[in-house]
């Protein structure tokens, strides 16, 4: 499939790795998408329950180009800053993600407090 996408000049391919067995229970399968990522000529992005350490390791080991953080980013609108500081993360509430409520689940998560 990845090789087929190459002939169309697709810039990126975003795949979800089958890492989540149940909510909060990961199954390690670090090589599952490597053949597809190596075959694809554009930017290869993976998702699937990654945390900071898992994501860094996947990129450092050249398994993927980028890692998407989905629900973790919704719960932590300042996720890059938190990762940079190795700060604690807000836990997301799966029941409120992707609902029709315009506030609950998207805009009610707290930013990391700053001290001046």
Protein backbone atom coordinates (compact mmCIF):
# COMPACT_ATOMS: atom_id res chain seq x y z
CA UNK A 1 0.00 0.00 0.00
CA UNK A 2 2.75 2.47 0.95
CA UNK A 3 4.56 1.87 -2.32
CA UNK A 4 1.32 2.54 -4.20
CA UNK A 5 0.96 5.91 -2.47
CA UNK A 6 4.44 6.94 -3.61
CA UNK A 7 3.42 7.15 -7.26
CA UNK A 8 0.84 9.84 -6.38
CA UNK A 9 3.29 12.12 -4.59
CA UNK A 10 1.47 11.86 -1.26
CA UNK A 11 3.34 14.01 1.26
CA UNK A 12 2.53 12.08 4.41
CA UNK A 13 0.99 8.85 5.63
CA UNK A 14 -0.58 8.73 9.09
CA UNK A 15 -1.13 5.24 10.51
CA UNK A 16 -2.46 4.03 13.86
CA UNK A 17 -0.35 1.31 15.36
CA UNK A 18 -2.26 -1.52 17.09
CA UNK A 19 -0.67 -0.76 20.47
CA UNK A 20 -3.76 -0.44 22.67
CA UNK A 21 -5.24 -3.71 23.90
CA UNK A 22 -7.71 -2.03 26.27
CA UNK A 23 -7.91 1.45 27.74
CA UNK A 24 -4.53 2.09 29.31
CA UNK A 25 -3.14 -1.36 28.48
CA UNK A 26 -0.46 -1.23 25.77
CA UNK A 27 0.83 -4.10 23.73
CA UNK A 28 4.37 -3.55 22.55
CA UNK A 29 4.71 -4.00 18.81
CA UNK A 30 7.49 -1.57 17.88
CA UNK A 31 8.19 -3.11 14.49
CA UNK A 32 4.61 -3.51 13.21
CA UNK A 33 4.61 -0.51 10.86
CA UNK A 34 8.32 -0.29 10.11
CA UNK A 35 8.10 -2.02 6.70
CA UNK A 36 5.34 0.35 5.62
CA UNK A 37 7.23 3.39 6.88
CA UNK A 38 10.40 2.34 5.08
CA UNK A 39 8.50 1.77 1.83
CA UNK A 40 6.77 5.16 1.96
CA UNK A 41 8.85 8.05 0.57
CA UNK A 42 7.04 10.89 2.34
CA UNK A 43 6.73 11.70 6.02
CA UNK A 44 5.49 8.70 8.01
CA UNK A 45 3.41 9.54 11.10
CA UNK A 46 2.26 7.00 13.68
CA UNK A 47 -0.23 7.16 16.55
CA UNK A 48 -1.48 4.63 19.06
CA UNK A 49 -1.15 5.39 22.75
CA UNK A 50 2.37 6.78 22.67
CA UNK A 51 3.73 8.68 25.65
CA UNK A 52 6.74 11.01 25.60
CA UNK A 53 9.31 8.25 26.04
CA UNK A 54 7.72 5.88 23.52
CA UNK A 55 7.44 8.63 20.93
CA UNK A 56 11.01 9.80 21.35
CA UNK A 57 12.28 6.23 21.13
CA UNK A 58 10.31 5.52 17.94
CA UNK A 59 11.82 8.56 16.21
CA UNK A 60 15.34 8.05 17.64
CA UNK A 61 15.33 4.45 16.40
CA UNK A 62 14.23 5.67 12.96
CA UNK A 63 11.05 3.60 13.06
CA UNK A 64 8.91 6.64 12.24
CA UNK A 65 9.32 10.28 11.19
CA UNK A 66 6.72 11.79 13.53
CA UNK A 67 4.41 10.67 16.34
CA UNK A 68 0.84 11.94 16.80
CA UNK A 69 -0.55 12.20 20.31
CA UNK A 70 -4.33 12.57 19.72
CA UNK A 71 -6.21 12.30 23.00
CA UNK A 72 -3.16 13.24 25.03
CA UNK A 73 -2.96 16.51 23.11
CA UNK A 74 -6.64 17.25 23.70
CA UNK A 75 -6.14 16.81 27.45
CA UNK A 76 -2.90 18.83 27.41
CA UNK A 77 -3.24 21.83 25.11
CA UNK A 78 0.33 22.77 26.06
CA UNK A 79 1.72 19.29 25.40
CA UNK A 80 4.97 20.40 23.72
CA UNK A 81 5.77 22.58 26.73
CA UNK A 82 4.94 19.78 29.16
CA UNK A 83 7.14 17.37 27.21
CA UNK A 84 9.97 19.91 27.19
CA UNK A 85 9.74 20.35 30.96
CA UNK A 86 8.98 16.68 31.61
CA UNK A 87 5.97 18.02 33.51
CA UNK A 88 2.97 15.98 34.72
CA UNK A 89 0.17 15.43 32.22
CA UNK A 90 -3.58 15.84 32.54
CA UNK A 91 -5.38 12.53 32.06
CA UNK A 92 -7.99 12.61 29.33
CA UNK A 93 -11.57 11.55 29.87
CA UNK A 94 -12.44 9.25 26.97
CA UNK A 95 -16.18 9.75 27.62
CA UNK A 96 -15.96 13.46 26.77
CA UNK A 97 -13.68 13.24 23.74
CA UNK A 98 -15.33 13.58 20.32
CA UNK A 99 -18.72 14.58 21.69
CA UNK A 100 -21.01 17.26 20.30
CA UNK A 101 -20.61 19.43 23.42
CA UNK A 102 -18.69 22.56 22.35
CA UNK A 103 -16.96 22.96 25.72
CA UNK A 104 -16.69 19.72 27.67
CA UNK A 105 -13.84 17.56 26.46
CA UNK A 106 -12.05 20.08 24.29
CA UNK A 107 -11.68 23.37 26.09
CA UNK A 108 -11.97 22.43 29.77
CA UNK A 109 -8.49 20.95 30.27
CA UNK A 110 -6.07 23.06 32.31
CA UNK A 111 -2.82 24.50 31.06
CA UNK A 112 0.33 23.99 33.06
CA UNK A 113 0.55 26.73 35.68
CA UNK A 114 3.30 29.25 35.23
CA UNK A 115 5.13 31.04 38.01
CA UNK A 116 6.66 34.43 37.42
